[in-house]
């Protein structure tokens, strides 16, 4: 069955960060949308950050699978809460918008070198620092291309609209060597926030670039189970 995938990128990036996965999903006959979200706008609310994805899906009648990467998992959940979706996939998610107990493990890898902020409070990467911190597992040419497209990363304005994950079929895929997030956090989030068994794959924070074929296979399998 053909489905429409809506791929929601993470902070600093845009829809082009999904290109290798888009190519593979399209080759399998699926429709793929990878909108650019205004994560660089310090005046944008969560709803405004998610709106381009909702607009892209406005006339879509096919079964929809939403995939939210990293910080974009928050906007992916908003999209899934506001329109019918067959499946919501959290990919290497931050999942920091939902309350957790005191027993929750630490989220970030110790010592991750977040970039400095500009005058608007947005985190801004220097390309060389981004390559070293975020893309050490990627081919140098890929890392340089991604770094050249980075935008400032703003914090959303206002409170997050949801108090719990949307009640839709969900899955969580995380990577064993994510540069940002600890595997212990991802497993905790899967079990305690989503009530699902997580899927672990090898590699770093950008499996759509590092292992697009493997990620495509997992998405195919999950989609077949839920559509």
C-alpha atoms as a PDB file:
ATOM      1  CA  UNK A   1       0.000   0.000   0.000  1.00  0.00           C
ATOM      2  CA  UNK A   2       1.288   3.438  -0.882  1.00  0.00           C
ATOM      3  CA  UNK A   3       1.435   5.858   2.020  1.00  0.00           C
ATOM      4  CA  UNK A   4       2.451   9.476   2.441  1.00  0.00           C
ATOM      5  CA  UNK A   5       5.424  10.036   4.710  1.00  0.00           C
ATOM      6  CA  UNK A   6       5.736  13.425   6.377  1.00  0.00           C
ATOM      7  CA  UNK A   7       9.321  13.828   7.570  1.00  0.00           C
ATOM      8  CA  UNK A   8       9.924  16.505  10.186  1.00  0.00           C
ATOM      9  CA  UNK A   9      13.511  17.651  10.602  1.00  0.00           C
ATOM     10  CA  UNK A  10      15.252  18.658  13.817  1.00  0.00           C
ATOM     11  CA  UNK A  11      16.836  21.866  15.057  1.00  0.00           C
ATOM     12  CA  UNK A  12      19.264  23.826  12.833  1.00  0.00           C
ATOM     13  CA  UNK A  13      18.349  21.722   9.797  1.00  0.00           C
ATOM     14  CA  UNK A  14      15.784  21.828   6.998  1.00  0.00           C
ATOM     15  CA  UNK A  15      13.928  19.315   4.875  1.00  0.00           C
ATOM     16  CA  UNK A  16      17.020  18.554   2.794  1.00  0.00           C
ATOM     17  CA  UNK A  17      18.506  16.665   5.757  1.00  0.00           C
ATOM     18  CA  UNK A  18      16.160  13.803   4.795  1.00  0.00           C
ATOM     19  CA  UNK A  19      17.277  13.536   1.141  1.00  0.00           C
ATOM     20  CA  UNK A  20      18.805  10.005   1.181  1.00  0.00           C
ATOM     21  CA  UNK A  21      15.728   8.584   2.917  1.00  0.00           C
ATOM     22  CA  UNK A  22      13.359  10.512   0.642  1.00  0.00           C
ATOM     23  CA  UNK A  23      15.043   8.940  -2.376  1.00  0.00           C
ATOM     24  CA  UNK A  24      14.636   5.420  -1.002  1.00  0.00           C
ATOM     25  CA  UNK A  25      11.028   5.821   0.107  1.00  0.00           C
ATOM     26  CA  UNK A  26      10.108   7.403  -3.213  1.00  0.00           C
ATOM     27  CA  UNK A  27      11.769   4.523  -5.075  1.00  0.00           C
ATOM     28  CA  UNK A  28       9.445   2.165  -3.196  1.00  0.00           C
ATOM     29  CA  UNK A  29       6.413   4.028  -4.521  1.00  0.00           C
ATOM     30  CA  UNK A  30       5.581   6.204  -1.529  1.00  0.00           C
ATOM     31  CA  UNK A  31       4.790   9.891  -1.513  1.00  0.00           C
ATOM     32  CA  UNK A  32       7.204  11.841   0.689  1.00  0.00           C
ATOM     33  CA  UNK A  33       6.884  15.337   2.113  1.00  0.00           C
ATOM     34  CA  UNK A  34       9.802  16.991   3.929  1.00  0.00           C
ATOM     35  CA  UNK A  35       8.729  20.562   4.682  1.00  0.00           C
ATOM     36  CA  UNK A  36      11.007  23.247   6.096  1.00  0.00           C
ATOM     37  CA  UNK A  37       9.911  24.304   9.586  1.00  0.00           C
ATOM     38  CA  UNK A  38      10.757  27.746  11.066  1.00  0.00           C
ATOM     39  CA  UNK A  39      13.027  26.496  13.824  1.00  0.00           C
ATOM     40  CA  UNK A  40      15.170  29.604  13.314  1.00  0.00           C
ATOM     41  CA  UNK A  41      12.363  32.021  14.232  1.00  0.00           C
ATOM     42  CA  UNK A  42      12.513  33.052  17.916  1.00  0.00           C
ATOM     43  CA  UNK A  43       8.949  34.410  17.704  1.00  0.00           C
ATOM     44  CA  UNK A  44       7.389  31.184  16.413  1.00  0.00           C
ATOM     45  CA  UNK A  45       5.202  29.170  18.765  1.00  0.00           C
ATOM     46  CA  UNK A  46       5.137  25.374  18.726  1.00  0.00           C
ATOM     47  CA  UNK A  47       1.981  25.532  16.621  1.00  0.00           C
ATOM     48  CA  UNK A  48       3.584  27.888  14.133  1.00  0.00           C
ATOM     49  CA  UNK A  49       6.634  25.645  13.917  1.00  0.00           C
ATOM     50  CA  UNK A  50       4.405  22.654  13.119  1.00  0.00           C
ATOM     51  CA  UNK A  51       2.107  24.497  10.698  1.00  0.00           C
ATOM     52  CA  UNK A  52       4.147  23.936   7.493  1.00  0.00           C
ATOM     53  CA  UNK A  53       3.814  20.182   8.012  1.00  0.00           C
ATOM     54  CA  UNK A  54       0.067  20.469   8.597  1.00  0.00           C
ATOM     55  CA  UNK A  55      -0.273  22.639   5.502  1.00  0.00           C
ATOM     56  CA  UNK A  56       1.693  20.120   3.423  1.00  0.00           C
ATOM     57  CA  UNK A  57      -0.708  17.378   4.527  1.00  0.00           C
ATOM     58  CA  UNK A  58      -3.843  19.430   4.009  1.00  0.00           C
ATOM     59  CA  UNK A  59      -5.012  17.680   0.817  1.00  0.00           C
ATOM     60  CA  UNK A  60      -3.504  14.241   1.491  1.00  0.00           C
ATOM     61  CA  UNK A  61      -6.015  11.383   1.564  1.00  0.00           C
ATOM     62  CA  UNK A  62      -3.546   8.490   1.680  1.00  0.00           C
ATOM     63  CA  UNK A  63      -2.576   6.859   4.971  1.00  0.00           C
ATOM     64  CA  UNK A  64      -0.047   9.194   6.602  1.00  0.00           C
ATOM     65  CA  UNK A  65       3.073   8.240   8.540  1.00  0.00           C
ATOM     66  CA  UNK A  66       4.701  11.113  10.428  1.00  0.00           C
ATOM     67  CA  UNK A  67       8.387  10.796  11.325  1.00  0.00           C
ATOM     68  CA  UNK A  68       9.844  13.360  13.716  1.00  0.00           C
ATOM     69  CA  UNK A  69      13.604  13.592  14.182  1.00  0.00           C
ATOM     70  CA  UNK A  70      15.328  14.852  17.336  1.00  0.00           C
ATOM     71  CA  UNK A  71      13.777  18.100  18.638  1.00  0.00           C
ATOM     72  CA  UNK A  72      11.280  17.892  15.775  1.00  0.00           C
ATOM     73  CA  UNK A  73       9.580  15.074  17.674  1.00  0.00           C
ATOM     74  CA  UNK A  74       7.622  17.772  19.524  1.00  0.00           C
ATOM     75  CA  UNK A  75       6.205  19.215  16.305  1.00  0.00           C
ATOM     76  CA  UNK A  76       5.606  15.715  14.926  1.00  0.00           C
ATOM     77  CA  UNK A  77       3.448  14.924  17.947  1.00  0.00           C
ATOM     78  CA  UNK A  78       1.472  18.128  17.386  1.00  0.00           C
ATOM     79  CA  UNK A  79       0.823  17.167  13.771  1.00  0.00           C
ATOM     80  CA  UNK A  80      -0.340  13.703  14.827  1.00  0.00           C
ATOM     81  CA  UNK A  81      -2.665  15.232  17.412  1.00  0.00           C
ATOM     82  CA  UNK A  82      -4.398  17.465  14.855  1.00  0.00           C
ATOM     83  CA  UNK A  83      -5.009  15.196  11.889  1.00  0.00           C
ATOM     84  CA  UNK A  84      -5.491  11.453  11.330  1.00  0.00           C
ATOM     85  CA  UNK A  85      -2.255   9.514  10.997  1.00  0.00           C
ATOM     86  CA  UNK A  86      -1.648   5.792  10.619  1.00  0.00           C
ATOM     87  CA  UNK A  87       1.621   5.928  12.567  1.00  0.00           C
ATOM     88  CA  UNK A  88       3.861   8.395  14.409  1.00  0.00           C
ATOM     89  CA  UNK A  89       7.547   7.491  14.458  1.00  0.00           C
ATOM     90  CA  UNK A  90       9.878   9.216  16.896  1.00  0.00           C
ATOM     91  CA  UNK A  91      13.418   9.059  15.450  1.00  0.00           C
ATOM     92  CA  UNK A  92      16.275   9.769  17.901  1.00  0.00           C
ATOM     93  CA  UNK A  93      13.788  11.999  19.727  1.00  0.00           C
ATOM     94  CA  UNK A  94      14.404  14.618  22.378  1.00  0.00           C
ATOM     95  CA  UNK A  95      10.872  14.176  23.821  1.00  0.00           C
ATOM     96  CA  UNK A  96      11.533  16.961  26.283  1.00  0.00           C
ATOM     97  CA  UNK A  97       8.070  18.508  26.196  1.00  0.00           C
ATOM     98  CA  UNK A  98       6.362  15.852  28.311  1.00  0.00           C
ATOM     99  CA  UNK A  99       6.757  15.569  32.105  1.00  0.00           C
ATOM    100  CA  UNK A 100       8.770  12.659  33.485  1.00  0.00           C
ATOM    101  CA  UNK A 101       9.486  11.323  36.956  1.00  0.00           C
ATOM    102  CA  UNK A 102      12.532  11.933  39.097  1.00  0.00           C
ATOM    103  CA  UNK A 103      13.768   8.472  38.159  1.00  0.00           C
ATOM    104  CA  UNK A 104      14.264   9.474  34.519  1.00  0.00           C
ATOM    105  CA  UNK A 105      17.877   9.125  33.365  1.00  0.00           C
ATOM    106  CA  UNK A 106      19.962  12.000  32.045  1.00  0.00           C
ATOM    107  CA  UNK A 107      19.046  12.992  28.499  1.00  0.00           C
ATOM    108  CA  UNK A 108      22.215  14.347  26.922  1.00  0.00           C
ATOM    109  CA  UNK A 109      25.636  12.854  26.416  1.00  0.00           C
ATOM    110  CA  UNK A 110      27.947  14.347  28.992  1.00  0.00           C
ATOM    111  CA  UNK A 111      29.994  17.207  27.592  1.00  0.00           C
ATOM    112  CA  UNK A 112      28.158  17.657  24.301  1.00  0.00           C
ATOM    113  CA  UNK A 113      29.428  21.029  22.953  1.00  0.00           C
ATOM    114  CA  UNK A 114      26.267  22.996  22.251  1.00  0.00           C
ATOM    115  CA  UNK A 115      26.965  26.105  20.144  1.00  0.00           C
ATOM    116  CA  UNK A 116      26.882  29.685  21.491  1.00  0.00           C
ATOM    117  CA  UNK A 117      23.826  31.910  21.225  1.00  0.00           C
ATOM    118  CA  UNK A 118      23.389  35.029  19.144  1.00  0.00           C
ATOM    119  CA  UNK A 119      21.737  38.291  20.229  1.00  0.00           C
ATOM    120  CA  UNK A 120      18.282  36.740  19.726  1.00  0.00           C
ATOM    121  CA  UNK A 121      19.050  33.763  21.950  1.00  0.00           C
ATOM    122  CA  UNK A 122      19.404  31.361  19.009  1.00  0.00           C
ATOM    123  CA  UNK A 123      22.111  28.698  19.021  1.00  0.00           C
ATOM    124  CA  UNK A 124      24.415  29.173  16.050  1.00  0.00           C
ATOM    125  CA  UNK A 125      26.944  26.609  14.824  1.00  0.00           C
ATOM    126  CA  UNK A 126      30.254  27.333  13.181  1.00  0.00           C
ATOM    127  CA  UNK A 127      30.525  24.786  10.346  1.00  0.00           C
ATOM    128  CA  UNK A 128      33.714  23.141  11.595  1.00  0.00           C
ATOM    129  CA  UNK A 129      32.304  22.787  15.119  1.00  0.00           C
ATOM    130  CA  UNK A 130      29.085  21.295  13.737  1.00  0.00           C
ATOM    131  CA  UNK A 131      31.004  18.748  11.691  1.00  0.00           C
ATOM    132  CA  UNK A 132      33.038  17.645  14.700  1.00  0.00           C
ATOM    133  CA  UNK A 133      30.107  17.510  17.116  1.00  0.00           C
ATOM    134  CA  UNK A 134      27.161  16.317  15.037  1.00  0.00           C
ATOM    135  CA  UNK A 135      28.514  14.526  11.974  1.00  0.00           C
ATOM    136  CA  UNK A 136      31.654  12.577  12.969  1.00  0.00           C
ATOM    137  CA  UNK A 137      30.247   9.346  11.485  1.00  0.00           C
ATOM    138  CA  UNK A 138      29.254  10.786   8.137  1.00  0.00           C
ATOM    139  CA  UNK A 139      31.348  11.044   4.985  1.00  0.00           C
ATOM    140  CA  UNK A 140      33.284  14.346   4.939  1.00  0.00           C
ATOM    141  CA  UNK A 141      31.468  15.579   1.835  1.00  0.00           C
ATOM    142  CA  UNK A 142      28.087  14.828   3.425  1.00  0.00           C
ATOM    143  CA  UNK A 143      29.092  16.505   6.669  1.00  0.00           C
ATOM    144  CA  UNK A 144      30.289  19.611   4.842  1.00  0.00           C
ATOM    145  CA  UNK A 145      27.084  19.825   2.818  1.00  0.00           C
ATOM    146  CA  UNK A 146      24.900  19.539   5.925  1.00  0.00           C
ATOM    147  CA  UNK A 147      27.009  22.073   7.831  1.00  0.00           C
ATOM    148  CA  UNK A 148      26.759  24.574   4.964  1.00  0.00           C
ATOM    149  CA  UNK A 149      22.951  24.538   5.229  1.00  0.00           C
ATOM    150  CA  UNK A 150      22.625  24.949   8.990  1.00  0.00           C
ATOM    151  CA  UNK A 151      20.400  27.705  10.335  1.00  0.00           C
ATOM    152  CA  UNK A 152      20.271  29.298  13.790  1.00  0.00           C
ATOM    153  CA  UNK A 153      18.279  27.245  16.264  1.00  0.00           C
ATOM    154  CA  UNK A 154      15.649  29.171  18.228  1.00  0.00           C
ATOM    155  CA  UNK A 155      13.660  28.091  21.243  1.00  0.00           C
ATOM    156  CA  UNK A 156       9.882  28.055  20.645  1.00  0.00           C
ATOM    157  CA  UNK A 157       7.802  30.851  22.066  1.00  0.00           C
ATOM    158  CA  UNK A 158       5.223  29.901  24.698  1.00  0.00           C
ATOM    159  CA  UNK A 159       4.243  26.634  26.328  1.00  0.00           C
ATOM    160  CA  UNK A 160       3.913  23.305  24.598  1.00  0.00           C
ATOM    161  CA  UNK A 161       0.202  22.621  23.827  1.00  0.00           C
ATOM    162  CA  UNK A 162       0.185  18.914  24.762  1.00  0.00           C
ATOM    163  CA  UNK A 163       0.515  17.463  28.259  1.00  0.00           C
ATOM    164  CA  UNK A 164       1.050  13.884  27.033  1.00  0.00           C
ATOM    165  CA  UNK A 165       1.925  12.162  23.747  1.00  0.00           C
ATOM    166  CA  UNK A 166      -1.017  11.884  21.345  1.00  0.00           C
ATOM    167  CA  UNK A 167      -2.932   8.631  21.547  1.00  0.00           C
ATOM    168  CA  UNK A 168      -1.943   7.304  18.141  1.00  0.00           C
ATOM    169  CA  UNK A 169       0.009   4.246  17.060  1.00  0.00           C
ATOM    170  CA  UNK A 170       3.605   5.117  17.756  1.00  0.00           C
ATOM    171  CA  UNK A 171       7.121   3.761  17.447  1.00  0.00           C
ATOM    172  CA  UNK A 172      10.522   4.931  18.644  1.00  0.00           C
ATOM    173  CA  UNK A 173      13.780   4.302  16.801  1.00  0.00           C
ATOM    174  CA  UNK A 174      17.041   5.320  18.444  1.00  0.00           C
ATOM    175  CA  UNK A 175      20.708   4.820  17.681  1.00  0.00           C
ATOM    176  CA  UNK A 176      23.350   3.190  19.830  1.00  0.00           C
ATOM    177  CA  UNK A 177      25.906   5.984  19.405  1.00  0.00           C
ATOM    178  CA  UNK A 178      23.723   9.072  19.175  1.00  0.00           C
ATOM    179  CA  UNK A 179      25.968  12.113  19.615  1.00  0.00           C
ATOM    180  CA  UNK A 180      23.246  14.005  21.518  1.00  0.00           C
ATOM    181  CA  UNK A 181      21.082  11.604  23.492  1.00  0.00           C
ATOM    182  CA  UNK A 182      21.902   8.728  25.795  1.00  0.00           C
ATOM    183  CA  UNK A 183      20.393   5.328  24.915  1.00  0.00           C
ATOM    184  CA  UNK A 184      19.149   5.037  28.504  1.00  0.00           C
ATOM    185  CA  UNK A 185      16.991   8.103  27.960  1.00  0.00           C
ATOM    186  CA  UNK A 186      15.551   6.819  24.705  1.00  0.00           C
ATOM    187  CA  UNK A 187      14.638   3.465  26.251  1.00  0.00           C
ATOM    188  CA  UNK A 188      13.066   5.224  29.237  1.00  0.00           C
ATOM    189  CA  UNK A 189      11.056   7.531  26.971  1.00  0.00           C
ATOM    190  CA  UNK A 190       9.822   4.612  24.873  1.00  0.00           C
ATOM    191  CA  UNK A 191       8.667   2.592  27.872  1.00  0.00           C
ATOM    192  CA  UNK A 192       7.384   5.320  30.207  1.00  0.00           C
ATOM    193  CA  UNK A 193       6.116   8.022  27.833  1.00  0.00           C
ATOM    194  CA  UNK A 194       4.952   6.014  24.831  1.00  0.00           C
ATOM    195  CA  UNK A 195       4.409   2.502  26.176  1.00  0.00           C
ATOM    196  CA  UNK A 196       6.265   0.893  23.269  1.00  0.00           C
ATOM    197  CA  UNK A 197       9.316  -1.290  22.846  1.00  0.00           C
ATOM    198  CA  UNK A 198      12.033   0.823  21.214  1.00  0.00           C
ATOM    199  CA  UNK A 199      13.999  -0.180  18.142  1.00  0.00           C
ATOM    200  CA  UNK A 200      17.763   0.233  18.382  1.00  0.00           C
ATOM    201  CA  UNK A 201      19.921   0.599  15.289  1.00  0.00           C
ATOM    202  CA  UNK A 202      23.632   1.268  15.001  1.00  0.00           C
ATOM    203  CA  UNK A 203      25.161   4.640  14.309  1.00  0.00           C
ATOM    204  CA  UNK A 204      24.809   8.269  15.279  1.00  0.00           C
ATOM    205  CA  UNK A 205      22.153  10.961  15.426  1.00  0.00           C
ATOM    206  CA  UNK A 206      21.491  11.126  11.680  1.00  0.00           C
ATOM    207  CA  UNK A 207      20.518   7.610  10.529  1.00  0.00           C
ATOM    208  CA  UNK A 208      18.723   9.083   7.516  1.00  0.00           C
ATOM    209  CA  UNK A 209      22.181  10.076   6.277  1.00  0.00           C
ATOM    210  CA  UNK A 210      24.322   7.293   7.748  1.00  0.00           C
ATOM    211  CA  UNK A 211      22.065   4.263   7.233  1.00  0.00           C
ATOM    212  CA  UNK A 212      19.170   5.302   4.948  1.00  0.00           C
ATOM    213  CA  UNK A 213      18.595   1.780   3.617  1.00  0.00           C
ATOM    214  CA  UNK A 214      18.352   0.299   7.098  1.00  0.00           C
ATOM    215  CA  UNK A 215      16.058   3.076   8.276  1.00  0.00           C
ATOM    216  CA  UNK A 216      13.884   2.647   5.203  1.00  0.00           C
ATOM    217  CA  UNK A 217      13.537  -1.064   5.941  1.00  0.00           C
ATOM    218  CA  UNK A 218      12.406  -0.378   9.505  1.00  0.00           C
ATOM    219  CA  UNK A 219       9.893   2.226   8.337  1.00  0.00           C
ATOM    220  CA  UNK A 220       8.571  -0.181   5.709  1.00  0.00           C
ATOM    221  CA  UNK A 221       8.075  -2.880   8.312  1.00  0.00           C
ATOM    222  CA  UNK A 222       6.416  -0.566  10.809  1.00  0.00           C
ATOM    223  CA  UNK A 223       4.182   0.909   8.135  1.00  0.00           C
ATOM    224  CA  UNK A 224       3.094  -2.542   6.957  1.00  0.00           C
ATOM    225  CA  UNK A 225       2.115  -3.403  10.529  1.00  0.00           C
ATOM    226  CA  UNK A 226      -0.017  -0.290  11.057  1.00  0.00           C
ATOM    227  CA  UNK A 227      -1.647   0.522   7.705  1.00  0.00           C
END
